[in-house]
Amino acid sequence: DSFDLVITDQIMPGMTGLQLAHNIRRIRNDIPIIAATGYSETLTPEAAEEVGIAEMLQKPFTKATVARAVYEALRSNVNAPQ
């Protein structure tokens, strides 16, 4: 409960961002997730929506793009079930 948002990369050692999002959903269905990727055939908008990823960031991205994604993810989560 001490986290308000998760930002993950798609490619990580041991699991993908999609797998992490799926595991997070089993623990907390209400937390917004932002996923970053360069190129990924598996992290599609449809796959992201299926596991509840709120925003996707395409690399390279700017601080302004990250700020917008954080704002949108938190804003859209205001009315999420707790």
PDB file of N, CA and C in Angstrom:
ATOM      1  N   ASP A   1       0.801  -1.209   0.000  1.00  0.00           N
ATOM      2  CA  ASP A   1       0.000   0.000   0.000  1.00  0.00           C
ATOM      3  C   ASP A   1       0.839   1.266   0.000  1.00  0.00           C
ATOM      4  N   SER A   2       2.155   1.125   0.123  1.00  0.00           N
ATOM      5  CA  SER A   2       2.984   2.324   0.181  1.00  0.00           C
ATOM      6  C   SER A   2       3.371   2.854  -1.197  1.00  0.00           C
ATOM      7  N   PHE A   3       2.961   2.174  -2.257  1.00  0.00           N
ATOM      8  CA  PHE A   3       3.260   2.629  -3.613  1.00  0.00           C
ATOM      9  C   PHE A   3       2.003   3.174  -4.270  1.00  0.00           C
ATOM     10  N   ASP A   4       2.158   4.290  -4.985  1.00  0.00           N
ATOM     11  CA  ASP A   4       1.041   4.895  -5.713  1.00  0.00           C
ATOM     12  C   ASP A   4       1.086   4.602  -7.200  1.00  0.00           C
ATOM     13  N   LEU A   5       2.235   4.145  -7.717  1.00  0.00           N
ATOM     14  CA  LEU A   5       2.451   3.990  -9.150  1.00  0.00           C
ATOM     15  C   LEU A   5       3.639   3.076  -9.367  1.00  0.00           C
ATOM     16  N   VAL A   6       3.600   2.277 -10.424  1.00  0.00           N
ATOM     17  CA  VAL A   6       4.736   1.441 -10.817  1.00  0.00           C
ATOM     18  C   VAL A   6       5.138   1.830 -12.230  1.00  0.00           C
ATOM     19  N   ILE A   7       6.438   2.069 -12.421  1.00  0.00           N
ATOM     20  CA  ILE A   7       6.994   2.289 -13.761  1.00  0.00           C
ATOM     21  C   ILE A   7       7.978   1.159 -14.005  1.00  0.00           C
ATOM     22  N   THR A   8       7.779   0.441 -15.112  1.00  0.00           N
ATOM     23  CA  THR A   8       8.631  -0.700 -15.420  1.00  0.00           C
ATOM     24  C   THR A   8       9.101  -0.647 -16.861  1.00  0.00           C
ATOM     25  N   ASP A   9      10.158  -1.360 -17.130  1.00  0.00           N
ATOM     26  CA  ASP A   9      10.628  -1.535 -18.491  1.00  0.00           C
ATOM     27  C   ASP A   9      10.093  -2.881 -18.990  1.00  0.00           C
ATOM     28  N   GLN A  10       9.953  -3.037 -20.270  1.00  0.00           N
ATOM     29  CA  GLN A  10       9.486  -4.305 -20.826  1.00  0.00           C
ATOM     30  C   GLN A  10      10.573  -5.372 -20.709  1.00  0.00           C
ATOM     31  N   ILE A  11      11.813  -5.009 -20.987  1.00  0.00           N
ATOM     32  CA  ILE A  11      12.901  -5.991 -20.971  1.00  0.00           C
ATOM     33  C   ILE A  11      13.679  -5.852 -19.665  1.00  0.00           C
ATOM     34  N   MET A  12      13.598  -6.900 -18.850  1.00  0.00           N
ATOM     35  CA  MET A  12      14.303  -6.935 -17.566  1.00  0.00           C
ATOM     36  C   MET A  12      14.851  -8.341 -17.363  1.00  0.00           C
ATOM     37  N   PRO A  13      15.846  -8.493 -16.496  1.00  0.00           N
ATOM     38  CA  PRO A  13      16.336  -9.841 -16.191  1.00  0.00           C
ATOM     39  C   PRO A  13      15.264 -10.641 -15.452  1.00  0.00           C
ATOM     40  N   GLY A  14      14.981 -11.812 -15.913  1.00  0.00           N
ATOM     41  CA  GLY A  14      14.082 -12.714 -15.194  1.00  0.00           C
ATOM     42  C   GLY A  14      12.612 -12.630 -15.551  1.00  0.00           C
ATOM     43  N   MET A  15      12.124 -11.491 -16.011  1.00  0.00           N
ATOM     44  CA  MET A  15      10.725 -11.374 -16.407  1.00  0.00           C
ATOM     45  C   MET A  15      10.545 -10.134 -17.265  1.00  0.00           C
ATOM     46  N   THR A  16       9.436 -10.085 -17.961  1.00  0.00           N
ATOM     47  CA  THR A  16       9.135  -8.915 -18.782  1.00  0.00           C
ATOM     48  C   THR A  16       8.237  -7.957 -17.996  1.00  0.00           C
ATOM     49  N   GLY A  17       8.091  -6.765 -18.516  1.00  0.00           N
ATOM     50  CA  GLY A  17       7.179  -5.805 -17.911  1.00  0.00           C
ATOM     51  C   GLY A  17       5.745  -6.310 -17.908  1.00  0.00           C
ATOM     52  N   LEU A  18       5.358  -7.031 -18.957  1.00  0.00           N
ATOM     53  CA  LEU A  18       4.011  -7.615 -19.003  1.00  0.00           C
ATOM     54  C   LEU A  18       3.824  -8.639 -17.887  1.00  0.00           C
ATOM     55  N   GLN A  19       4.837  -9.475 -17.661  1.00  0.00           N
ATOM     56  CA  GLN A  19       4.748 -10.458 -16.580  1.00  0.00           C
ATOM     57  C   GLN A  19       4.684  -9.770 -15.221  1.00  0.00           C
ATOM     58  N   LEU A  20       5.495  -8.724 -15.045  1.00  0.00           N
ATOM     59  CA  LEU A  20       5.457  -7.975 -13.789  1.00  0.00           C
ATOM     60  C   LEU A  20       4.079  -7.373 -13.564  1.00  0.00           C
ATOM     61  N   ALA A  21       3.514  -6.757 -14.599  1.00  0.00           N
ATOM     62  CA  ALA A  21       2.180  -6.163 -14.478  1.00  0.00           C
ATOM     63  C   ALA A  21       1.149  -7.219 -14.087  1.00  0.00           C
ATOM     64  N   HIS A  22       1.231  -8.382 -14.719  1.00  0.00           N
ATOM     65  CA  HIS A  22       0.302  -9.477 -14.391  1.00  0.00           C
ATOM     66  C   HIS A  22       0.458  -9.881 -12.919  1.00  0.00           C
ATOM     67  N   ASN A  23       1.694  -9.987 -12.436  1.00  0.00           N
ATOM     68  CA  ASN A  23       1.931 -10.362 -11.036  1.00  0.00           C
ATOM     69  C   ASN A  23       1.449  -9.279 -10.080  1.00  0.00           C
ATOM     70  N   ILE A  24       1.656  -8.022 -10.437  1.00  0.00           N
ATOM     71  CA  ILE A  24       1.176  -6.920  -9.602  1.00  0.00           C
ATOM     72  C   ILE A  24      -0.336  -6.961  -9.495  1.00  0.00           C
ATOM     73  N   ARG A  25      -1.020  -7.246 -10.588  1.00  0.00           N
ATOM     74  CA  ARG A  25      -2.494  -7.290 -10.586  1.00  0.00           C
ATOM     75  C   ARG A  25      -3.025  -8.345  -9.624  1.00  0.00           C
ATOM     76  N   ARG A  26      -2.272  -9.405  -9.401  1.00  0.00           N
ATOM     77  CA  ARG A  26      -2.703 -10.428  -8.450  1.00  0.00           C
ATOM     78  C   ARG A  26      -2.639  -9.912  -7.018  1.00  0.00           C
ATOM     79  N   ILE A  27      -1.752  -8.933  -6.769  1.00  0.00           N
ATOM     80  CA  ILE A  27      -1.579  -8.389  -5.422  1.00  0.00           C
ATOM     81  C   ILE A  27      -2.426  -7.140  -5.222  1.00  0.00           C
ATOM     82  N   ARG A  28      -2.340  -6.232  -6.196  1.00  0.00           N
ATOM     83  CA  ARG A  28      -3.078  -4.954  -6.111  1.00  0.00           C
ATOM     84  C   ARG A  28      -3.652  -4.611  -7.467  1.00  0.00           C
ATOM     85  N   ASN A  29      -4.945  -4.689  -7.569  1.00  0.00           N
ATOM     86  CA  ASN A  29      -5.619  -4.397  -8.837  1.00  0.00           C
ATOM     87  C   ASN A  29      -5.765  -2.903  -9.075  1.00  0.00           C
ATOM     88  N   ASP A  30      -5.520  -2.092  -8.062  1.00  0.00           N
ATOM     89  CA  ASP A  30      -5.798  -0.658  -8.166  1.00  0.00           C
ATOM     90  C   ASP A  30      -4.596   0.199  -8.538  1.00  0.00           C
ATOM     91  N   ILE A  31      -3.394  -0.333  -8.533  1.00  0.00           N
ATOM     92  CA  ILE A  31      -2.213   0.505  -8.746  1.00  0.00           C
ATOM     93  C   ILE A  31      -1.966   0.749 -10.243  1.00  0.00           C
ATOM     94  N   PRO A  32      -1.764   2.015 -10.625  1.00  0.00           N
ATOM     95  CA  PRO A  32      -1.476   2.288 -12.038  1.00  0.00           C
ATOM     96  C   PRO A  32      -0.062   1.824 -12.401  1.00  0.00           C
ATOM     97  N   ILE A  33       0.062   1.303 -13.614  1.00  0.00           N
ATOM     98  CA  ILE A  33       1.345   0.795 -14.113  1.00  0.00           C
ATOM     99  C   ILE A  33       1.667   1.498 -15.423  1.00  0.00           C
ATOM    100  N   ILE A  34       2.911   1.955 -15.524  1.00  0.00           N
ATOM    101  CA  ILE A  34       3.427   2.535 -16.756  1.00  0.00           C
ATOM    102  C   ILE A  34       4.537   1.615 -17.240  1.00  0.00           C
ATOM    103  N   ALA A  35       4.516   1.250 -18.516  1.00  0.00           N
ATOM    104  CA  ALA A  35       5.546   0.392 -19.083  1.00  0.00           C
ATOM    105  C   ALA A  35       6.316   1.147 -20.156  1.00  0.00           C
ATOM    106  N   ALA A  36       7.633   0.982 -20.128  1.00  0.00           N
ATOM    107  CA  ALA A  36       8.500   1.613 -21.127  1.00  0.00           C
ATOM    108  C   ALA A  36       9.100   0.523 -22.006  1.00  0.00           C
ATOM    109  N   THR A  37       9.260   0.837 -23.287  1.00  0.00           N
ATOM    110  CA  THR A  37       9.850  -0.117 -24.206  1.00  0.00           C
ATOM    111  C   THR A  37      10.497   0.600 -25.374  1.00  0.00           C
ATOM    112  N   GLY A  38      11.488  -0.056 -25.952  1.00  0.00           N
ATOM    113  CA  GLY A  38      12.077   0.427 -27.194  1.00  0.00           C
ATOM    114  C   GLY A  38      11.262  -0.161 -28.328  1.00  0.00           C
ATOM    115  N   TYR A  39      11.531  -1.412 -28.633  1.00  0.00           N
ATOM    116  CA  TYR A  39      10.742  -2.130 -29.616  1.00  0.00           C
ATOM    117  C   TYR A  39      10.386  -3.470 -29.002  1.00  0.00           C
ATOM    118  N   SER A  40       9.147  -3.808 -29.060  1.00  0.00           N
ATOM    119  CA  SER A  40       8.708  -5.088 -28.515  1.00  0.00           C
ATOM    120  C   SER A  40       7.526  -5.593 -29.314  1.00  0.00           C
ATOM    121  N   GLU A  41       7.644  -6.828 -29.777  1.00  0.00           N
ATOM    122  CA  GLU A  41       6.512  -7.443 -30.468  1.00  0.00           C
ATOM    123  C   GLU A  41       5.447  -7.908 -29.481  1.00  0.00           C
ATOM    124  N   THR A  42       5.833  -8.078 -28.212  1.00  0.00           N
ATOM    125  CA  THR A  42       4.875  -8.584 -27.227  1.00  0.00           C
ATOM    126  C   THR A  42       4.157  -7.483 -26.462  1.00  0.00           C
ATOM    127  N   LEU A  43       4.794  -6.323 -26.299  1.00  0.00           N
ATOM    128  CA  LEU A  43       4.141  -5.225 -25.578  1.00  0.00           C
ATOM    129  C   LEU A  43       3.387  -4.356 -26.577  1.00  0.00           C
ATOM    130  N   THR A  44       2.222  -4.839 -26.940  1.00  0.00           N
ATOM    131  CA  THR A  44       1.339  -4.107 -27.847  1.00  0.00           C
ATOM    132  C   THR A  44       0.321  -3.345 -27.009  1.00  0.00           C
ATOM    133  N   PRO A  45      -0.330  -2.355 -27.584  1.00  0.00           N
ATOM    134  CA  PRO A  45      -1.393  -1.672 -26.831  1.00  0.00           C
ATOM    135  C   PRO A  45      -2.464  -2.639 -26.334  1.00  0.00           C
ATOM    136  N   GLU A  46      -2.774  -3.649 -27.112  1.00  0.00           N
ATOM    137  CA  GLU A  46      -3.791  -4.634 -26.710  1.00  0.00           C
ATOM    138  C   GLU A  46      -3.310  -5.468 -25.521  1.00  0.00           C
ATOM    139  N   ALA A  47      -2.056  -5.920 -25.565  1.00  0.00           N
ATOM    140  CA  ALA A  47      -1.498  -6.704 -24.457  1.00  0.00           C
ATOM    141  C   ALA A  47      -1.399  -5.856 -23.197  1.00  0.00           C
ATOM    142  N   ALA A  48      -1.013  -4.588 -23.362  1.00  0.00           N
ATOM    143  CA  ALA A  48      -0.914  -3.686 -22.216  1.00  0.00           C
ATOM    144  C   ALA A  48      -2.277  -3.486 -21.563  1.00  0.00           C
ATOM    145  N   GLU A  49      -3.277  -3.264 -22.380  1.00  0.00           N
ATOM    146  CA  GLU A  49      -4.630  -3.066 -21.848  1.00  0.00           C
ATOM    147  C   GLU A  49      -5.131  -4.321 -21.137  1.00  0.00           C
ATOM    148  N   GLU A  50      -4.801  -5.473 -21.688  1.00  0.00           N
ATOM    149  CA  GLU A  50      -5.255  -6.746 -21.113  1.00  0.00           C
ATOM    150  C   GLU A  50      -4.748  -6.953 -19.680  1.00  0.00           C
ATOM    151  N   VAL A  51      -3.519  -6.525 -19.389  1.00  0.00           N
ATOM    152  CA  VAL A  51      -2.977  -6.694 -18.037  1.00  0.00           C
ATOM    153  C   VAL A  51      -3.123  -5.441 -17.188  1.00  0.00           C
ATOM    154  N   GLY A  52      -3.735  -4.409 -17.752  1.00  0.00           N
ATOM    155  CA  GLY A  52      -4.018  -3.214 -16.960  1.00  0.00           C
ATOM    156  C   GLY A  52      -2.907  -2.188 -16.909  1.00  0.00           C
ATOM    157  N   ILE A  53      -2.062  -2.157 -17.931  1.00  0.00           N
ATOM    158  CA  ILE A  53      -1.039  -1.113 -18.000  1.00  0.00           C
ATOM    159  C   ILE A  53      -1.729   0.172 -18.418  1.00  0.00           C
ATOM    160  N   ALA A  54      -1.573   1.213 -17.602  1.00  0.00           N
ATOM    161  CA  ALA A  54      -2.287   2.470 -17.825  1.00  0.00           C
ATOM    162  C   ALA A  54      -1.693   3.284 -18.969  1.00  0.00           C
ATOM    163  N   GLU A  55      -0.363   3.315 -19.059  1.00  0.00           N
ATOM    164  CA  GLU A  55       0.327   4.128 -20.063  1.00  0.00           C
ATOM    165  C   GLU A  55       1.533   3.358 -20.581  1.00  0.00           C
ATOM    166  N   MET A  56       1.851   3.598 -21.857  1.00  0.00           N
ATOM    167  CA  MET A  56       3.052   3.026 -22.456  1.00  0.00           C
ATOM    168  C   MET A  56       3.958   4.158 -22.911  1.00  0.00           C
ATOM    169  N   LEU A  57       5.247   4.018 -22.625  1.00  0.00           N
ATOM    170  CA  LEU A  57       6.246   4.988 -23.050  1.00  0.00           C
ATOM    171  C   LEU A  57       7.134   4.342 -24.098  1.00  0.00           C
ATOM    172  N   GLN A  58       7.275   4.985 -25.246  1.00  0.00           N
ATOM    173  CA  GLN A  58       8.178   4.503 -26.289  1.00  0.00           C
ATOM    174  C   GLN A  58       9.525   5.184 -26.118  1.00  0.00           C
ATOM    175  N   LYS A  59      10.595   4.393 -26.081  1.00  0.00           N
ATOM    176  CA  LYS A  59      11.941   4.940 -25.972  1.00  0.00           C
ATOM    177  C   LYS A  59      12.386   5.453 -27.333  1.00  0.00           C
ATOM    178  N   PRO A  60      13.178   6.464 -27.383  1.00  0.00           N
ATOM    179  CA  PRO A  60      13.568   7.325 -26.269  1.00  0.00           C
ATOM    180  C   PRO A  60      12.423   8.262 -25.911  1.00  0.00           C
ATOM    181  N   PHE A  61      12.339   8.634 -24.656  1.00  0.00           N
ATOM    182  CA  PHE A  61      11.296   9.565 -24.220  1.00  0.00           C
ATOM    183  C   PHE A  61      11.915  10.701 -23.426  1.00  0.00           C
ATOM    184  N   THR A  62      11.174  11.766 -23.294  1.00  0.00           N
ATOM    185  CA  THR A  62      11.641  12.950 -22.583  1.00  0.00           C
ATOM    186  C   THR A  62      11.056  12.989 -21.176  1.00  0.00           C
ATOM    187  N   LYS A  63      11.586  13.870 -20.348  1.00  0.00           N
ATOM    188  CA  LYS A  63      11.025  14.058 -19.005  1.00  0.00           C
ATOM    189  C   LYS A  63       9.570  14.507 -19.100  1.00  0.00           C
ATOM    190  N   ALA A  64       9.277  15.342 -20.088  1.00  0.00           N
ATOM    191  CA  ALA A  64       7.899  15.814 -20.259  1.00  0.00           C
ATOM    192  C   ALA A  64       6.964  14.661 -20.606  1.00  0.00           C
ATOM    193  N   THR A  65       7.427  13.727 -21.405  1.00  0.00           N
ATOM    194  CA  THR A  65       6.610  12.566 -21.765  1.00  0.00           C
ATOM    195  C   THR A  65       6.349  11.687 -20.550  1.00  0.00           C
ATOM    196  N   VAL A  66       7.373  11.502 -19.715  1.00  0.00           N
ATOM    197  CA  VAL A  66       7.205  10.716 -18.484  1.00  0.00           C
ATOM    198  C   VAL A  66       6.238  11.432 -17.545  1.00  0.00           C
ATOM    199  N   ALA A  67       6.397  12.739 -17.416  1.00  0.00           N
ATOM    200  CA  ALA A  67       5.513  13.523 -16.543  1.00  0.00           C
ATOM    201  C   ALA A  67       4.067  13.408 -16.998  1.00  0.00           C
ATOM    202  N   ARG A  68       3.823  13.483 -18.304  1.00  0.00           N
ATOM    203  CA  ARG A  68       2.470  13.352 -18.836  1.00  0.00           C
ATOM    204  C   ARG A  68       1.911  11.963 -18.548  1.00  0.00           C
ATOM    205  N   ALA A  69       2.735  10.926 -18.732  1.00  0.00           N
ATOM    206  CA  ALA A  69       2.283   9.551 -18.487  1.00  0.00           C
ATOM    207  C   ALA A  69       1.935   9.343 -17.014  1.00  0.00           C
ATOM    208  N   VAL A  70       2.763   9.883 -16.120  1.00  0.00           N
ATOM    209  CA  VAL A  70       2.485   9.774 -14.682  1.00  0.00           C
ATOM    210  C   VAL A  70       1.186  10.498 -14.346  1.00  0.00           C
ATOM    211  N   TYR A  71       1.035  11.703 -14.858  1.00  0.00           N
ATOM    212  CA  TYR A  71      -0.188  12.474 -14.615  1.00  0.00           C
ATOM    213  C   TYR A  71      -1.414  11.709 -15.099  1.00  0.00           C
ATOM    214  N   GLU A  72      -1.363  11.219 -16.323  1.00  0.00           N
ATOM    215  CA  GLU A  72      -2.515  10.507 -16.891  1.00  0.00           C
ATOM    216  C   GLU A  72      -2.816   9.213 -16.131  1.00  0.00           C
ATOM    217  N   ALA A  73      -1.781   8.472 -15.764  1.00  0.00           N
ATOM    218  CA  ALA A  73      -1.989   7.219 -15.036  1.00  0.00           C
ATOM    219  C   ALA A  73      -2.614   7.468 -13.675  1.00  0.00           C
ATOM    220  N   LEU A  74      -2.119   8.473 -12.969  1.00  0.00           N
ATOM    221  CA  LEU A  74      -2.686   8.780 -11.652  1.00  0.00           C
ATOM    222  C   LEU A  74      -4.078   9.376 -11.763  1.00  0.00           C
ATOM    223  N   ARG A  75      -4.288  10.221 -12.760  1.00  0.00           N
ATOM    224  CA  ARG A  75      -5.598  10.845 -12.960  1.00  0.00           C
ATOM    225  C   ARG A  75      -6.656   9.801 -13.307  1.00  0.00           C
ATOM    226  N   SER A  76      -6.305   8.868 -14.167  1.00  0.00           N
ATOM    227  CA  SER A  76      -7.277   7.849 -14.579  1.00  0.00           C
ATOM    228  C   SER A  76      -7.538   6.841 -13.461  1.00  0.00           C
ATOM    229  N   ASN A  77      -6.656   6.794 -12.474  1.00  0.00           N
ATOM    230  CA  ASN A  77      -6.810   5.843 -11.386  1.00  0.00           C
ATOM    231  C   ASN A  77      -7.592   6.404 -10.203  1.00  0.00           C
ATOM    232  N   VAL A  78      -7.952   7.675 -10.243  1.00  0.00           N
ATOM    233  CA  VAL A  78      -8.647   8.318  -9.124  1.00  0.00           C
ATOM    234  C   VAL A  78      -9.935   7.576  -8.768  1.00  0.00           C
ATOM    235  N   ASN A  79     -10.667   7.120  -9.756  1.00  0.00           N
ATOM    236  CA  ASN A  79     -11.945   6.449  -9.513  1.00  0.00           C
ATOM    237  C   ASN A  79     -11.860   4.932  -9.599  1.00  0.00           C
ATOM    238  N   ALA A  80     -10.630   4.385  -9.579  1.00  0.00           N
ATOM    239  CA  ALA A  80     -10.478   2.942  -9.654  1.00  0.00           C
ATOM    240  C   ALA A  80     -10.954   2.307  -8.353  1.00  0.00           C
ATOM    241  N   PRO A  81     -11.445   1.074  -8.451  1.00  0.00           N
ATOM    242  CA  PRO A  81     -11.882   0.380  -7.223  1.00  0.00           C
ATOM    243  C   PRO A  81     -10.688   0.121  -6.319  1.00  0.00           C
ATOM    244  N   GLN A  82     -10.882   0.280  -5.035  1.00  0.00           N
ATOM    245  CA  GLN A  82      -9.798   0.094  -4.053  1.00  0.00           C
ATOM    246  C   GLN A  82      -9.859  -1.286  -3.470  1.00  0.00           C
TER     247      GLN A  82
END
